[in-house]
Structure formats: structure tokens, C-alpha cells
Amino acid sequence: MSAKNSHLTIRQDLLEEDPDISVPIRFLDYQEDTWVGDSDTLSIDEEYSPENGEQLDDISGYNMIIKITDPSQKDEYGNPWKDRLAFAISADFDWN
């Protein structure tokens, strides 16, 4: 289960189907595509989403920008994920 202060969590119905499921995101800092799974240290906040649900990229269906922190995960340079901005698909998340 995601960190208690997380405003967004991976959809509960997806986790019930497969507890190891992960969802796609694209970090904005290094334009890095990755998959994020649920963990006790995962914290996700919404930073931006257009009111009309408009897609923010050309091909992947990303329609929101999130801020993600998970000290158990590292970026390609070995730094922990802390307040990293990423594109995400709103349908992959539940609001808390």
C-alpha cells in the first residue's frame, strides 16, 4: 500500500487483480519511460491535469503530471526518486 500521505495511489482494482502490477509513467527530467509499482514508500501527488482531460503527449495517452517520491527507487544516476515530475495516465490511479 502506498505511503499514507499519498494523494494518488495505483487503482485498487488493478492491485486486487495483480498485487505486483505496475503502471507506465514518463519522468520529465531525463525523459525516462518507466513503470511504477505500489510500495509502502511510494507517494504521488497531482501537479497538473487539464480540465478537459486533454492528452499532454502525442502518443502515450498521458493526461496528467504527477510528482512522485519513492526513496526505495533510484534514477539512472543512482539518486532516490524525490519530488520527480512525470507524465501519467489518470485512469491508472485512485484519488485519496
Protein backbone atom coordinates (compact mmCIF):
# COMPACT_ATOMS: atom_id res chain seq x y z
CA MET A 1 0.00 0.00 0.00
CA SER A 2 1.28 3.46 -0.88
CA ALA A 3 2.51 5.90 1.74
CA LYS A 4 -0.32 7.22 3.93
CA ASN A 5 0.20 10.82 2.78
CA SER A 6 -0.02 9.93 -0.93
CA HIS A 7 -2.84 11.78 -2.72
CA LEU A 8 -2.88 9.28 -5.56
CA THR A 9 -2.49 5.50 -5.44
CA ILE A 10 -2.42 2.82 -8.11
CA ARG A 11 -6.03 1.75 -8.67
CA GLN A 12 -7.21 -0.72 -6.06
CA ASP A 13 -8.99 -2.95 -8.58
CA LEU A 14 -5.75 -3.33 -10.56
CA LEU A 15 -3.85 -4.26 -7.39
CA GLU A 16 -6.53 -6.79 -6.42
CA GLU A 17 -6.12 -8.45 -9.83
CA ASP A 18 -2.33 -8.47 -9.59
CA PRO A 19 -0.54 -7.12 -6.46
CA ASP A 20 2.69 -6.80 -8.46
CA ILE A 21 1.17 -4.69 -11.24
CA SER A 22 2.93 -1.51 -12.30
CA VAL A 23 1.75 1.43 -14.39
CA PRO A 24 3.61 3.46 -17.03
CA ILE A 25 4.99 6.93 -16.37
CA ARG A 26 7.48 9.19 -18.16
CA PHE A 27 9.79 11.25 -15.98
CA LEU A 28 10.17 14.78 -17.32
CA ASP A 29 13.72 15.40 -16.06
CA TYR A 30 15.51 12.74 -18.16
CA GLN A 31 12.59 11.86 -20.49
CA GLU A 32 12.80 8.38 -18.98
CA ASP A 33 9.95 5.92 -19.56
CA THR A 34 9.47 3.53 -16.66
CA TRP A 35 6.88 1.50 -14.79
CA VAL A 36 6.00 2.19 -11.17
CA GLY A 37 4.59 -0.38 -8.78
CA ASP A 38 2.98 0.03 -5.39
CA SER A 39 5.16 0.19 -2.27
CA ASP A 40 4.95 1.42 1.33
CA THR A 41 7.22 4.35 0.46
CA LEU A 42 5.51 5.47 -2.76
CA SER A 43 3.97 8.95 -2.58
CA ILE A 44 2.23 10.52 -5.58
CA ASP A 45 0.65 13.98 -5.86
CA GLU A 46 -1.10 15.53 -8.82
CA GLU A 47 0.70 18.59 -10.15
CA TYR A 48 -1.38 19.34 -13.24
CA SER A 49 -4.19 17.94 -15.32
CA PRO A 50 -6.16 19.84 -17.97
CA GLU A 51 -9.82 20.41 -17.13
CA ASN A 52 -10.96 18.79 -20.38
CA GLY A 53 -8.81 15.64 -19.89
CA GLU A 54 -6.74 16.60 -22.91
CA GLN A 55 -3.77 14.37 -23.72
CA LEU A 56 -0.43 16.01 -22.85
CA ASP A 57 1.78 13.99 -25.19
CA ASP A 58 1.47 12.83 -28.77
CA ILE A 59 1.29 9.04 -28.47
CA SER A 60 1.15 7.50 -24.99
CA GLY A 61 -2.13 8.88 -23.65
CA TYR A 62 -0.58 10.70 -20.71
CA ASN A 63 -3.10 13.25 -19.43
CA MET A 64 -1.68 14.46 -16.13
CA ILE A 65 1.57 15.48 -14.49
CA ILE A 66 2.39 13.95 -11.12
CA LYS A 67 5.08 14.50 -8.51
CA ILE A 68 6.44 11.17 -7.34
CA THR A 69 8.64 10.30 -4.38
CA ASP A 70 9.85 6.82 -3.51
CA PRO A 71 13.16 6.59 -1.63
CA SER A 72 13.32 2.86 -2.37
CA GLN A 73 13.66 3.62 -6.12
CA LYS A 74 16.69 5.16 -7.84
CA ASP A 75 17.06 7.13 -11.07
CA GLU A 76 19.62 6.25 -13.74
CA TYR A 77 22.28 8.20 -11.80
CA GLY A 78 21.66 6.41 -8.51
CA ASN A 79 19.67 9.21 -6.85
CA PRO A 80 16.47 8.32 -4.97
CA TRP A 81 13.18 9.40 -6.51
CA LYS A 82 12.35 12.64 -4.69
CA ASP A 83 9.75 15.08 -5.99
CA ARG A 84 10.27 13.97 -9.60
CA LEU A 85 7.74 15.21 -12.13
CA ALA A 86 6.30 12.69 -14.57
CA PHE A 87 3.58 12.27 -17.15
CA ALA A 88 0.96 9.71 -16.11
CA ILE A 89 -2.45 8.36 -17.17
CA SER A 90 -5.16 9.44 -14.71
CA ALA A 91 -7.15 6.22 -15.29
CA ASP A 92 -4.34 4.24 -13.60
CA PHE A 93 -4.85 5.97 -10.23
CA ASP A 94 -7.35 6.34 -7.40
CA TRP A 95 -7.69 9.64 -5.52
CA ASN A 96 -7.26 9.63 -1.72
